[in-house]
Amino acid sequence: MSAQEVHIERLIGRKIHDPEGRSAGAIEEIEAELRDGEWVVTKVLTGPVGLLTRLSSLGMGAWLLGFLGARKSLGGCEIAWRHLDLRDPNDPRLRCPVRELRH
Protein backbone atom coordinates (compact mmCIF):
# COMPACT_ATOMS: atom_id res chain seq x y z
CA MET A 1 0.00 0.00 0.00
CA SER A 2 1.46 3.37 -1.00
CA ALA A 3 1.48 6.54 1.09
CA GLN A 4 -1.56 7.75 -0.87
CA GLU A 5 -3.67 4.66 -0.22
CA VAL A 6 -5.92 4.13 2.79
CA HIS A 7 -8.28 1.29 3.62
CA ILE A 8 -11.38 3.45 3.41
CA GLU A 9 -13.61 0.81 4.96
CA ARG A 10 -11.71 1.41 8.20
CA LEU A 11 -12.66 5.10 8.15
CA ILE A 12 -16.43 4.52 8.43
CA GLY A 13 -17.56 5.54 11.90
CA ARG A 14 -14.37 7.44 12.76
CA LYS A 15 -14.92 10.87 14.27
CA ILE A 16 -13.17 13.79 12.60
CA HIS A 17 -11.88 16.84 14.48
CA ASP A 18 -10.56 20.12 13.14
CA PRO A 19 -7.29 21.80 14.19
CA GLU A 20 -9.21 23.62 16.97
CA GLY A 21 -10.57 20.34 18.38
CA ARG A 22 -14.13 20.85 17.15
CA SER A 23 -15.97 17.78 15.90
CA ALA A 24 -17.13 17.50 12.29
CA GLY A 25 -18.96 14.28 13.15
CA ALA A 26 -18.32 10.67 12.26
CA ILE A 27 -17.60 9.52 8.70
CA GLU A 28 -20.76 7.86 7.42
CA GLU A 29 -20.27 7.83 3.65
CA ILE A 30 -17.34 7.99 1.24
CA GLU A 31 -17.90 9.13 -2.34
CA ALA A 32 -15.64 8.39 -5.30
CA GLU A 33 -15.51 9.01 -9.06
CA LEU A 34 -14.06 6.98 -11.88
CA ARG A 35 -11.19 8.97 -13.41
CA ASP A 36 -9.02 7.57 -16.18
CA GLY A 37 -10.00 4.02 -15.24
CA GLU A 38 -9.29 4.41 -11.51
CA TRP A 39 -11.60 5.14 -8.61
CA VAL A 40 -10.64 8.35 -6.80
CA VAL A 41 -12.22 9.37 -3.50
CA THR A 42 -13.65 12.88 -3.76
CA LYS A 43 -15.38 13.49 -0.44
CA VAL A 44 -16.73 12.09 2.78
CA LEU A 45 -20.06 12.82 4.45
CA THR A 46 -20.64 12.94 8.18
CA GLY A 47 -23.71 12.88 10.37
CA PRO A 48 -27.26 11.72 9.65
CA VAL A 49 -27.23 12.84 6.02
CA GLY A 50 -24.11 10.77 5.38
CA LEU A 51 -25.68 7.76 7.07
CA LEU A 52 -28.88 8.15 5.08
CA THR A 53 -26.89 8.44 1.85
CA ARG A 54 -24.96 5.27 2.66
CA LEU A 55 -28.07 3.29 3.53
CA SER A 56 -30.29 4.56 0.72
CA SER A 57 -30.38 3.09 -2.75
CA LEU A 58 -28.07 5.12 -5.00
CA GLY A 59 -28.27 8.06 -2.59
CA MET A 60 -31.83 8.86 -3.65
CA GLY A 61 -32.92 9.34 -0.02
CA ALA A 62 -30.39 12.13 0.55
CA TRP A 63 -31.23 13.70 -2.83
CA LEU A 64 -34.92 13.68 -1.94
CA LEU A 65 -34.23 15.23 1.45
CA GLY A 66 -32.13 17.93 -0.22
CA PHE A 67 -34.85 18.58 -2.76
CA LEU A 68 -37.39 18.96 0.06
CA GLY A 69 -35.05 21.26 2.00
CA ALA A 70 -34.52 18.89 4.92
CA ARG A 71 -30.87 18.09 4.26
CA LYS A 72 -29.50 21.01 6.29
CA SER A 73 -31.74 20.38 9.27
CA LEU A 74 -30.49 16.81 9.67
CA GLY A 75 -26.91 17.87 10.25
CA GLY A 76 -23.60 16.64 8.98
CA CYS A 77 -20.78 17.92 6.82
CA GLU A 78 -19.52 17.39 3.31
CA ILE A 79 -15.73 17.19 3.44
CA ALA A 80 -13.57 17.30 0.32
CA TRP A 81 -10.96 14.54 0.39
CA ARG A 82 -8.17 17.13 0.14
CA HIS A 83 -9.28 18.60 3.50
CA LEU A 84 -8.58 15.36 5.36
CA ASP A 85 -5.33 14.58 7.13
CA LEU A 86 -5.09 10.78 7.21
CA ARG A 87 -1.54 10.35 8.42
CA ASP A 88 -3.18 8.41 11.28
CA PRO A 89 -6.28 6.74 9.75
CA ASN A 90 -7.43 5.80 13.26
CA ASP A 91 -7.63 9.50 14.11
CA PRO A 92 -8.64 11.41 10.94
CA ARG A 93 -8.24 15.18 11.18
CA LEU A 94 -9.40 18.17 9.20
CA ARG A 95 -6.89 20.52 7.64
CA CYS A 96 -9.38 23.39 8.01
CA PRO A 97 -11.83 24.61 10.67
CA VAL A 98 -15.26 22.97 10.75
CA ARG A 99 -16.91 26.34 10.07
CA GLU A 100 -15.35 26.35 6.57
CA LEU A 101 -17.09 23.12 5.58
CA ARG A 102 -20.33 22.74 3.66
CA HIS A 103 -23.05 21.71 6.11
PDB file of N, CA and C in Angstrom:
ATOM      1  N   MET A   1       0.859  -1.185   0.000  1.00  0.00           N
ATOM      2  CA  MET A   1       0.000   0.000   0.000  1.00  0.00           C
ATOM      3  C   MET A   1       0.897   1.237   0.000  1.00  0.00           C
ATOM      4  N   SER A   2       0.647   2.157  -0.920  1.00  0.00           N
ATOM      5  CA  SER A   2       1.464   3.366  -1.004  1.00  0.00           C
ATOM      6  C   SER A   2       1.019   4.392   0.027  1.00  0.00           C
ATOM      7  N   ALA A   3       1.789   5.477   0.124  1.00  0.00           N
ATOM      8  CA  ALA A   3       1.479   6.537   1.086  1.00  0.00           C
ATOM      9  C   ALA A   3       0.157   7.223   0.767  1.00  0.00           C
ATOM     10  N   GLN A   4      -0.323   7.110  -0.476  1.00  0.00           N
ATOM     11  CA  GLN A   4      -1.565   7.754  -0.871  1.00  0.00           C
ATOM     12  C   GLN A   4      -2.779   6.842  -0.722  1.00  0.00           C
ATOM     13  N   GLU A   5      -2.563   5.599  -0.334  1.00  0.00           N
ATOM     14  CA  GLU A   5      -3.668   4.655  -0.218  1.00  0.00           C
ATOM     15  C   GLU A   5      -4.059   4.458   1.243  1.00  0.00           C
ATOM     16  N   VAL A   6      -5.377   4.351   1.460  1.00  0.00           N
ATOM     17  CA  VAL A   6      -5.919   4.135   2.791  1.00  0.00           C
ATOM     18  C   VAL A   6      -7.036   3.117   2.656  1.00  0.00           C
ATOM     19  N   HIS A   7      -7.150   2.223   3.607  1.00  0.00           N
ATOM     20  CA  HIS A   7      -8.278   1.288   3.620  1.00  0.00           C
ATOM     21  C   HIS A   7      -9.507   2.065   4.054  1.00  0.00           C
ATOM     22  N   ILE A   8     -10.277   2.551   3.082  1.00  0.00           N
ATOM     23  CA  ILE A   8     -11.384   3.452   3.408  1.00  0.00           C
ATOM     24  C   ILE A   8     -12.458   2.798   4.250  1.00  0.00           C
ATOM     25  N   GLU A   9     -12.604   1.474   4.144  1.00  0.00           N
ATOM     26  CA  GLU A   9     -13.614   0.811   4.958  1.00  0.00           C
ATOM     27  C   GLU A   9     -13.327   0.966   6.450  1.00  0.00           C
ATOM     28  N   ARG A  10     -12.077   1.208   6.793  1.00  0.00           N
ATOM     29  CA  ARG A  10     -11.710   1.409   8.199  1.00  0.00           C
ATOM     30  C   ARG A  10     -12.017   2.826   8.688  1.00  0.00           C
ATOM     31  N   LEU A  11     -12.342   3.718   7.768  1.00  0.00           N
ATOM     32  CA  LEU A  11     -12.660   5.097   8.151  1.00  0.00           C
ATOM     33  C   LEU A  11     -14.117   5.273   8.577  1.00  0.00           C
ATOM     34  N   ILE A  12     -15.006   4.394   8.095  1.00  0.00           N
ATOM     35  CA  ILE A  12     -16.425   4.518   8.430  1.00  0.00           C
ATOM     36  C   ILE A  12     -16.599   4.457   9.944  1.00  0.00           C
ATOM     37  N   GLY A  13     -17.306   5.466  10.463  1.00  0.00           N
ATOM     38  CA  GLY A  13     -17.564   5.543  11.896  1.00  0.00           C
ATOM     39  C   GLY A  13     -16.536   6.334  12.679  1.00  0.00           C
ATOM     40  N   ARG A  14     -15.402   6.656  12.058  1.00  0.00           N
ATOM     41  CA  ARG A  14     -14.365   7.436  12.761  1.00  0.00           C
ATOM     42  C   ARG A  14     -14.794   8.892  12.877  1.00  0.00           C
ATOM     43  N   LYS A  15     -14.612   9.458  14.056  1.00  0.00           N
ATOM     44  CA  LYS A  15     -14.919  10.874  14.265  1.00  0.00           C
ATOM     45  C   LYS A  15     -13.774  11.727  13.748  1.00  0.00           C
ATOM     46  N   ILE A  16     -14.148  12.866  13.167  1.00  0.00           N
ATOM     47  CA  ILE A  16     -13.174  13.793  12.605  1.00  0.00           C
ATOM     48  C   ILE A  16     -13.189  15.070  13.426  1.00  0.00           C
ATOM     49  N   HIS A  17     -12.004  15.581  13.750  1.00  0.00           N
ATOM     50  CA  HIS A  17     -11.880  16.843  14.476  1.00  0.00           C
ATOM     51  C   HIS A  17     -11.038  17.818  13.667  1.00  0.00           C
ATOM     52  N   ASP A  18     -11.329  19.097  13.847  1.00  0.00           N
ATOM     53  CA  ASP A  18     -10.564  20.118  13.144  1.00  0.00           C
ATOM     54  C   ASP A  18      -9.339  20.508  13.973  1.00  0.00           C
ATOM     55  N   PRO A  19      -8.496  21.397  13.452  1.00  0.00           N
ATOM     56  CA  PRO A  19      -7.291  21.800  14.187  1.00  0.00           C
ATOM     57  C   PRO A  19      -7.594  22.462  15.536  1.00  0.00           C
ATOM     58  N   GLU A  20      -8.819  22.967  15.710  1.00  0.00           N
ATOM     59  CA  GLU A  20      -9.212  23.616  16.969  1.00  0.00           C
ATOM     60  C   GLU A  20      -9.868  22.633  17.940  1.00  0.00           C
ATOM     61  N   GLY A  21      -9.970  21.359  17.533  1.00  0.00           N
ATOM     62  CA  GLY A  21     -10.566  20.336  18.383  1.00  0.00           C
ATOM     63  C   GLY A  21     -12.070  20.185  18.253  1.00  0.00           C
ATOM     64  N   ARG A  22     -12.687  20.959  17.359  1.00  0.00           N
ATOM     65  CA  ARG A  22     -14.133  20.854  17.149  1.00  0.00           C
ATOM     66  C   ARG A  22     -14.463  19.630  16.295  1.00  0.00           C
ATOM     67  N   SER A  23     -15.563  18.978  16.618  1.00  0.00           N
ATOM     68  CA  SER A  23     -15.972  17.780  15.900  1.00  0.00           C
ATOM     69  C   SER A  23     -16.727  18.129  14.617  1.00  0.00           C
ATOM     70  N   ALA A  24     -16.397  17.392  13.556  1.00  0.00           N
ATOM     71  CA  ALA A  24     -17.131  17.498  12.294  1.00  0.00           C
ATOM     72  C   ALA A  24     -18.062  16.305  12.149  1.00  0.00           C
ATOM     73  N   GLY A  25     -18.111  15.456  13.165  1.00  0.00           N
ATOM     74  CA  GLY A  25     -18.960  14.275  13.146  1.00  0.00           C
ATOM     75  C   GLY A  25     -18.191  13.028  12.750  1.00  0.00           C
ATOM     76  N   ALA A  26     -18.908  11.942  12.646  1.00  0.00           N
ATOM     77  CA  ALA A  26     -18.315  10.666  12.257  1.00  0.00           C
ATOM     78  C   ALA A  26     -18.502  10.439  10.766  1.00  0.00           C
ATOM     79  N   ILE A  27     -17.512   9.836  10.127  1.00  0.00           N
ATOM     80  CA  ILE A  27     -17.601   9.523   8.704  1.00  0.00           C
ATOM     81  C   ILE A  27     -18.673   8.459   8.512  1.00  0.00           C
ATOM     82  N   GLU A  28     -19.665   8.783   7.697  1.00  0.00           N
ATOM     83  CA  GLU A  28     -20.761   7.857   7.425  1.00  0.00           C
ATOM     84  C   GLU A  28     -20.782   7.384   5.974  1.00  0.00           C
ATOM     85  N   GLU A  29     -20.238   8.182   5.064  1.00  0.00           N
ATOM     86  CA  GLU A  29     -20.269   7.833   3.648  1.00  0.00           C
ATOM     87  C   GLU A  29     -19.014   8.354   2.977  1.00  0.00           C
ATOM     88  N   ILE A  30     -18.515   7.601   2.010  1.00  0.00           N
ATOM     89  CA  ILE A  30     -17.339   7.993   1.243  1.00  0.00           C
ATOM     90  C   ILE A  30     -17.731   7.943  -0.227  1.00  0.00           C
ATOM     91  N   GLU A  31     -17.527   9.050  -0.935  1.00  0.00           N
ATOM     92  CA  GLU A  31     -17.904   9.128  -2.344  1.00  0.00           C
ATOM     93  C   GLU A  31     -16.664   9.154  -3.219  1.00  0.00           C
ATOM     94  N   ALA A  32     -16.761   8.477  -4.369  1.00  0.00           N
ATOM     95  CA  ALA A  32     -15.642   8.388  -5.304  1.00  0.00           C
ATOM     96  C   ALA A  32     -16.152   8.545  -6.723  1.00  0.00           C
ATOM     97  N   GLU A  33     -15.212   8.879  -7.626  1.00  0.00           N
ATOM     98  CA  GLU A  33     -15.512   9.014  -9.060  1.00  0.00           C
ATOM     99  C   GLU A  33     -14.516   8.163  -9.841  1.00  0.00           C
ATOM    100  N   LEU A  34     -14.952   7.712 -10.982  1.00  0.00           N
ATOM    101  CA  LEU A  34     -14.064   6.979 -11.878  1.00  0.00           C
ATOM    102  C   LEU A  34     -13.336   7.995 -12.755  1.00  0.00           C
ATOM    103  N   ARG A  35     -12.005   8.033 -12.625  1.00  0.00           N
ATOM    104  CA  ARG A  35     -11.187   8.965 -13.408  1.00  0.00           C
ATOM    105  C   ARG A  35     -10.067   8.189 -14.099  1.00  0.00           C
ATOM    106  N   ASP A  36     -10.049   8.255 -15.388  1.00  0.00           N
ATOM    107  CA  ASP A  36      -9.021   7.567 -16.183  1.00  0.00           C
ATOM    108  C   ASP A  36      -8.885   6.101 -15.779  1.00  0.00           C
ATOM    109  N   GLY A  37     -10.012   5.439 -15.558  1.00  0.00           N
ATOM    110  CA  GLY A  37     -10.005   4.020 -15.244  1.00  0.00           C
ATOM    111  C   GLY A  37      -9.719   3.663 -13.803  1.00  0.00           C
ATOM    112  N   GLU A  38      -9.560   4.672 -12.932  1.00  0.00           N
ATOM    113  CA  GLU A  38      -9.289   4.412 -11.509  1.00  0.00           C
ATOM    114  C   GLU A  38     -10.311   5.133 -10.651  1.00  0.00           C
ATOM    115  N   TRP A  39     -10.695   4.500  -9.555  1.00  0.00           N
ATOM    116  CA  TRP A  39     -11.604   5.139  -8.610  1.00  0.00           C
ATOM    117  C   TRP A  39     -10.818   6.073  -7.712  1.00  0.00           C
ATOM    118  N   VAL A  40     -11.299   7.321  -7.615  1.00  0.00           N
ATOM    119  CA  VAL A  40     -10.644   8.350  -6.803  1.00  0.00           C
ATOM    120  C   VAL A  40     -11.664   8.877  -5.803  1.00  0.00           C
ATOM    121  N   VAL A  41     -11.320   8.846  -4.524  1.00  0.00           N
ATOM    122  CA  VAL A  41     -12.216   9.366  -3.502  1.00  0.00           C
ATOM    123  C   VAL A  41     -12.271  10.879  -3.626  1.00  0.00           C
ATOM    124  N   THR A  42     -13.483  11.430  -3.614  1.00  0.00           N
ATOM    125  CA  THR A  42     -13.653  12.877  -3.765  1.00  0.00           C
ATOM    126  C   THR A  42     -14.100  13.560  -2.485  1.00  0.00           C
ATOM    127  N   LYS A  43     -14.917  12.867  -1.672  1.00  0.00           N
ATOM    128  CA  LYS A  43     -15.383  13.493  -0.442  1.00  0.00           C
ATOM    129  C   LYS A  43     -15.930  12.464   0.520  1.00  0.00           C
ATOM    130  N   VAL A  44     -16.080  12.908   1.763  1.00  0.00           N
ATOM    131  CA  VAL A  44     -16.732  12.089   2.777  1.00  0.00           C
ATOM    132  C   VAL A  44     -17.893  12.896   3.350  1.00  0.00           C
ATOM    133  N   LEU A  45     -18.897  12.187   3.823  1.00  0.00           N
ATOM    134  CA  LEU A  45     -20.057  12.819   4.447  1.00  0.00           C
ATOM    135  C   LEU A  45     -20.135  12.359   5.887  1.00  0.00           C
ATOM    136  N   THR A  46     -20.486  13.277   6.778  1.00  0.00           N
ATOM    137  CA  THR A  46     -20.636  12.941   8.185  1.00  0.00           C
ATOM    138  C   THR A  46     -22.081  13.156   8.618  1.00  0.00           C
ATOM    139  N   GLY A  47     -22.400  12.631   9.774  1.00  0.00           N
ATOM    140  CA  GLY A  47     -23.707  12.877  10.370  1.00  0.00           C
ATOM    141  C   GLY A  47     -24.838  12.101   9.729  1.00  0.00           C
ATOM    142  N   PRO A  48     -26.071  12.435  10.128  1.00  0.00           N
ATOM    143  CA  PRO A  48     -27.259  11.719   9.654  1.00  0.00           C
ATOM    144  C   PRO A  48     -27.433  11.717   8.140  1.00  0.00           C
ATOM    145  N   VAL A  49     -27.084  12.804   7.482  1.00  0.00           N
ATOM    146  CA  VAL A  49     -27.229  12.841   6.023  1.00  0.00           C
ATOM    147  C   VAL A  49     -26.278  11.841   5.382  1.00  0.00           C
ATOM    148  N   GLY A  50     -25.065  11.750   5.899  1.00  0.00           N
ATOM    149  CA  GLY A  50     -24.113  10.767   5.382  1.00  0.00           C
ATOM    150  C   GLY A  50     -24.601   9.354   5.599  1.00  0.00           C
ATOM    151  N   LEU A  51     -25.158   9.088   6.776  1.00  0.00           N
ATOM    152  CA  LEU A  51     -25.684   7.759   7.073  1.00  0.00           C
ATOM    153  C   LEU A  51     -26.850   7.426   6.149  1.00  0.00           C
ATOM    154  N   LEU A  52     -27.740   8.376   5.962  1.00  0.00           N
ATOM    155  CA  LEU A  52     -28.878   8.154   5.080  1.00  0.00           C
ATOM    156  C   LEU A  52     -28.414   7.891   3.652  1.00  0.00           C
ATOM    157  N   THR A  53     -27.417   8.628   3.200  1.00  0.00           N
ATOM    158  CA  THR A  53     -26.886   8.441   1.854  1.00  0.00           C
ATOM    159  C   THR A  53     -26.309   7.041   1.703  1.00  0.00           C
ATOM    160  N   ARG A  54     -25.575   6.600   2.718  1.00  0.00           N
ATOM    161  CA  ARG A  54     -24.959   5.273   2.658  1.00  0.00           C
ATOM    162  C   ARG A  54     -26.013   4.171   2.633  1.00  0.00           C
ATOM    163  N   LEU A  55     -27.062   4.335   3.403  1.00  0.00           N
ATOM    164  CA  LEU A  55     -28.065   3.294   3.527  1.00  0.00           C
ATOM    165  C   LEU A  55     -29.125   3.323   2.433  1.00  0.00           C
ATOM    166  N   SER A  56     -29.248   4.446   1.746  1.00  0.00           N
ATOM    167  CA  SER A  56     -30.288   4.556   0.722  1.00  0.00           C
ATOM    168  C   SER A  56     -29.797   4.034  -0.620  1.00  0.00           C
ATOM    169  N   SER A  57     -30.706   3.609  -1.434  1.00  0.00           N
ATOM    170  CA  SER A  57     -30.385   3.092  -2.749  1.00  0.00           C
ATOM    171  C   SER A  57     -29.918   4.221  -3.657  1.00  0.00           C
ATOM    172  N   LEU A  58     -28.661   4.136  -4.093  1.00  0.00           N
ATOM    173  CA  LEU A  58     -28.069   5.119  -5.001  1.00  0.00           C
ATOM    174  C   LEU A  58     -28.131   6.547  -4.471  1.00  0.00           C
ATOM    175  N   GLY A  59     -28.258   6.724  -3.159  1.00  0.00           N
ATOM    176  CA  GLY A  59     -28.274   8.057  -2.591  1.00  0.00           C
ATOM    177  C   GLY A  59     -29.553   8.828  -2.841  1.00  0.00           C
ATOM    178  N   MET A  60     -30.581   8.168  -3.325  1.00  0.00           N
ATOM    179  CA  MET A  60     -31.829   8.864  -3.646  1.00  0.00           C
ATOM    180  C   MET A  60     -32.482   9.461  -2.402  1.00  0.00           C
ATOM    181  N   GLY A  61     -32.320   8.808  -1.256  1.00  0.00           N
ATOM    182  CA  GLY A  61     -32.917   9.337  -0.022  1.00  0.00           C
ATOM    183  C   GLY A  61     -32.349  10.705   0.327  1.00  0.00           C
ATOM    184  N   ALA A  62     -31.022  10.852   0.246  1.00  0.00           N
ATOM    185  CA  ALA A  62     -30.391  12.131   0.551  1.00  0.00           C
ATOM    186  C   ALA A  62     -30.767  13.177  -0.500  1.00  0.00           C
ATOM    187  N   TRP A  63     -30.835  12.752  -1.781  1.00  0.00           N
ATOM    188  CA  TRP A  63     -31.234  13.695  -2.826  1.00  0.00           C
ATOM    189  C   TRP A  63     -32.643  14.206  -2.560  1.00  0.00           C
ATOM    190  N   LEU A  64     -33.542  13.295  -2.205  1.00  0.00           N
ATOM    191  CA  LEU A  64     -34.918  13.683  -1.943  1.00  0.00           C
ATOM    192  C   LEU A  64     -34.997  14.629  -0.756  1.00  0.00           C
ATOM    193  N   LEU A  65     -34.237  14.332   0.300  1.00  0.00           N
ATOM    194  CA  LEU A  65     -34.227  15.233   1.454  1.00  0.00           C
ATOM    195  C   LEU A  65     -33.701  16.611   1.063  1.00  0.00           C
ATOM    196  N   GLY A  66     -32.658  16.640   0.230  1.00  0.00           N
ATOM    197  CA  GLY A  66     -32.128  17.928  -0.219  1.00  0.00           C
ATOM    198  C   GLY A  66     -33.150  18.685  -1.043  1.00  0.00           C
ATOM    199  N   PHE A  67     -33.821  17.979  -1.920  1.00  0.00           N
ATOM    200  CA  PHE A  67     -34.850  18.585  -2.759  1.00  0.00           C
ATOM    201  C   PHE A  67     -35.964  19.173  -1.897  1.00  0.00           C
ATOM    202  N   LEU A  68     -36.325  18.485  -0.825  1.00  0.00           N
ATOM    203  CA  LEU A  68     -37.386  18.956   0.065  1.00  0.00           C
ATOM    204  C   LEU A  68     -36.901  19.981   1.084  1.00  0.00           C
ATOM    205  N   GLY A  69     -35.590  20.255   1.093  1.00  0.00           N
ATOM    206  CA  GLY A  69     -35.054  21.262   2.002  1.00  0.00           C
ATOM    207  C   GLY A  69     -34.724  20.742   3.382  1.00  0.00           C
ATOM    208  N   ALA A  70     -34.762  19.442   3.590  1.00  0.00           N
ATOM    209  CA  ALA A  70     -34.522  18.890   4.921  1.00  0.00           C
ATOM    210  C   ALA A  70     -33.065  18.530   5.157  1.00  0.00           C
ATOM    211  N   ARG A  71     -32.253  18.541   4.125  1.00  0.00           N
ATOM    212  CA  ARG A  71     -30.868  18.092   4.265  1.00  0.00           C
ATOM    213  C   ARG A  71     -30.104  18.883   5.324  1.00  0.00           C
ATOM    214  N   LYS A  72     -30.227  20.196   5.319  1.00  0.00           N
ATOM    215  CA  LYS A  72     -29.495  21.012   6.290  1.00  0.00           C
ATOM    216  C   LYS A  72     -29.949  20.749   7.720  1.00  0.00           C
ATOM    217  N   SER A  73     -31.228  20.542   7.921  1.00  0.00           N
ATOM    218  CA  SER A  73     -31.741  20.382   9.268  1.00  0.00           C
ATOM    219  C   SER A  73     -31.308  19.075   9.911  1.00  0.00           C
ATOM    220  N   LEU A  74     -30.916  18.081   9.111  1.00  0.00           N
ATOM    221  CA  LEU A  74     -30.486  16.810   9.671  1.00  0.00           C
ATOM    222  C   LEU A  74     -29.079  16.874  10.249  1.00  0.00           C
ATOM    223  N   GLY A  75     -28.270  17.736   9.748  1.00  0.00           N
ATOM    224  CA  GLY A  75     -26.909  17.866  10.245  1.00  0.00           C
ATOM    225  C   GLY A  75     -25.930  17.019   9.462  1.00  0.00           C
ATOM    226  N   GLY A  76     -24.672  17.334   9.660  1.00  0.00           N
ATOM    227  CA  GLY A  76     -23.597  16.636   8.978  1.00  0.00           C
ATOM    228  C   GLY A  76     -22.806  17.586   8.103  1.00  0.00           C
ATOM    229  N   CYS A  77     -21.666  17.108   7.645  1.00  0.00           N
ATOM    230  CA  CYS A  77     -20.776  17.915   6.822  1.00  0.00           C
ATOM    231  C   CYS A  77     -20.392  17.156   5.565  1.00  0.00           C
ATOM    232  N   GLU A  78     -20.088  17.918   4.538  1.00  0.00           N
ATOM    233  CA  GLU A  78     -19.519  17.390   3.309  1.00  0.00           C
ATOM    234  C   GLU A  78     -18.065  17.830   3.311  1.00  0.00           C
ATOM    235  N   ILE A  79     -17.148  16.870   3.310  1.00  0.00           N
ATOM    236  CA  ILE A  79     -15.728  17.187   3.442  1.00  0.00           C
ATOM    237  C   ILE A  79     -14.981  16.707   2.199  1.00  0.00           C
ATOM    238  N   ALA A  80     -14.382  17.656   1.482  1.00  0.00           N
ATOM    239  CA  ALA A  80     -13.567  17.299   0.317  1.00  0.00           C
ATOM    240  C   ALA A  80     -12.381  16.461   0.792  1.00  0.00           C
ATOM    241  N   TRP A  81     -12.037  15.458   0.027  1.00  0.00           N
ATOM    242  CA  TRP A  81     -10.957  14.543   0.393  1.00  0.00           C
ATOM    243  C   TRP A  81      -9.668  15.300   0.691  1.00  0.00           C
ATOM    244  N   ARG A  82      -9.406  16.370  -0.048  1.00  0.00           N
ATOM    245  CA  ARG A  82      -8.168  17.132   0.142  1.00  0.00           C
ATOM    246  C   ARG A  82      -8.106  17.831   1.510  1.00  0.00           C
ATOM    247  N   HIS A  83      -9.249  17.959   2.185  1.00  0.00           N
ATOM    248  CA  HIS A  83      -9.284  18.605   3.496  1.00  0.00           C
ATOM    249  C   HIS A  83      -9.025  17.630   4.643  1.00  0.00           C
ATOM    250  N   LEU A  84      -8.823  16.349   4.313  1.00  0.00           N
ATOM    251  CA  LEU A  84      -8.576  15.357   5.356  1.00  0.00           C
ATOM    252  C   LEU A  84      -7.093  15.073   5.524  1.00  0.00           C
ATOM    253  N   ASP A  85      -6.681  14.990   6.775  1.00  0.00           N
ATOM    254  CA  ASP A  85      -5.327  14.576   7.129  1.00  0.00           C
ATOM    255  C   ASP A  85      -5.449  13.147   7.646  1.00  0.00           C
ATOM    256  N   LEU A  86      -4.953  12.198   6.865  1.00  0.00           N
ATOM    257  CA  LEU A  86      -5.092  10.785   7.210  1.00  0.00           C
ATOM    258  C   LEU A  86      -3.743  10.140   7.525  1.00  0.00           C
ATOM    259  N   ARG A  87      -2.819  10.929   8.029  1.00  0.00           N
ATOM    260  CA  ARG A  87      -1.541  10.347   8.424  1.00  0.00           C
ATOM    261  C   ARG A  87      -1.756   9.249   9.465  1.00  0.00           C
ATOM    262  N   ASP A  88      -2.765   9.444  10.330  1.00  0.00           N
ATOM    263  CA  ASP A  88      -3.178   8.408  11.275  1.00  0.00           C
ATOM    264  C   ASP A  88      -4.634   8.083  10.960  1.00  0.00           C
ATOM    265  N   PRO A  89      -4.895   7.058  10.139  1.00  0.00           N
ATOM    266  CA  PRO A  89      -6.275   6.737   9.752  1.00  0.00           C
ATOM    267  C   PRO A  89      -7.196   6.421  10.929  1.00  0.00           C
ATOM    268  N   ASN A  90      -6.619   6.060  12.070  1.00  0.00           N
ATOM    269  CA  ASN A  90      -7.432   5.796  13.262  1.00  0.00           C
ATOM    270  C   ASN A  90      -7.897   7.093  13.922  1.00  0.00           C
ATOM    271  N   ASP A  91      -7.282   8.195  13.549  1.00  0.00           N
ATOM    272  CA  ASP A  91      -7.627   9.502  14.110  1.00  0.00           C
ATOM    273  C   ASP A  91      -7.625  10.546  12.987  1.00  0.00           C
ATOM    274  N   PRO A  92      -8.617  10.461  12.062  1.00  0.00           N
ATOM    275  CA  PRO A  92      -8.639  11.415  10.940  1.00  0.00           C
ATOM    276  C   PRO A  92      -8.851  12.843  11.422  1.00  0.00           C
ATOM    277  N   ARG A  93      -8.172  13.767  10.802  1.00  0.00           N
ATOM    278  CA  ARG A  93      -8.241  15.178  11.183  1.00  0.00           C
ATOM    279  C   ARG A  93      -8.574  16.032   9.971  1.00  0.00           C
ATOM    280  N   LEU A  94      -9.156  17.184  10.254  1.00  0.00           N
ATOM    281  CA  LEU A  94      -9.402  18.172   9.204  1.00  0.00           C
ATOM    282  C   LEU A  94      -8.185  19.073   9.071  1.00  0.00           C
ATOM    283  N   ARG A  95      -7.948  19.545   7.875  1.00  0.00           N
ATOM    284  CA  ARG A  95      -6.886  20.523   7.644  1.00  0.00           C
ATOM    285  C   ARG A  95      -7.416  21.952   7.771  1.00  0.00           C
ATOM    286  N   CYS A  96      -8.736  22.087   7.916  1.00  0.00           N
ATOM    287  CA  CYS A  96      -9.376  23.394   8.009  1.00  0.00           C
ATOM    288  C   CYS A  96     -10.367  23.388   9.164  1.00  0.00           C
ATOM    289  N   PRO A  97     -10.796  24.561   9.621  1.00  0.00           N
ATOM    290  CA  PRO A  97     -11.828  24.610  10.675  1.00  0.00           C
ATOM    291  C   PRO A  97     -13.165  24.078  10.189  1.00  0.00           C
ATOM    292  N   VAL A  98     -13.936  23.502  11.089  1.00  0.00           N
ATOM    293  CA  VAL A  98     -15.262  22.967  10.751  1.00  0.00           C
ATOM    294  C   VAL A  98     -16.133  24.031  10.122  1.00  0.00           C
ATOM    295  N   ARG A  99     -16.021  25.262  10.577  1.00  0.00           N
ATOM    296  CA  ARG A  99     -16.908  26.340  10.070  1.00  0.00           C
ATOM    297  C   ARG A  99     -16.707  26.611   8.586  1.00  0.00           C
ATOM    298  N   GLU A 100     -15.600  26.150   7.996  1.00  0.00           N
ATOM    299  CA  GLU A 100     -15.352  26.354   6.571  1.00  0.00           C
ATOM    300  C   GLU A 100     -15.947  25.252   5.695  1.00  0.00           C
ATOM    301  N   LEU A 101     -16.524  24.231   6.322  1.00  0.00           N
ATOM    302  CA  LEU A 101     -17.093  23.118   5.576  1.00  0.00           C
ATOM    303  C   LEU A 101     -18.503  23.398   5.133  1.00  0.00           C
ATOM    304  N   ARG A 102     -18.948  22.662   4.122  1.00  0.00           N
ATOM    305  CA  ARG A 102     -20.333  22.739   3.662  1.00  0.00           C
ATOM    306  C   ARG A 102     -21.174  21.863   4.570  1.00  0.00           C
ATOM    307  N   HIS A 103     -22.179  22.459   5.193  1.00  0.00           N
ATOM    308  CA  HIS A 103     -23.054  21.713   6.109  1.00  0.00           C
ATOM    309  C   HIS A 103     -24.393  21.463   5.460  1.00  0.00           C
TER     310      HIS A 103
END
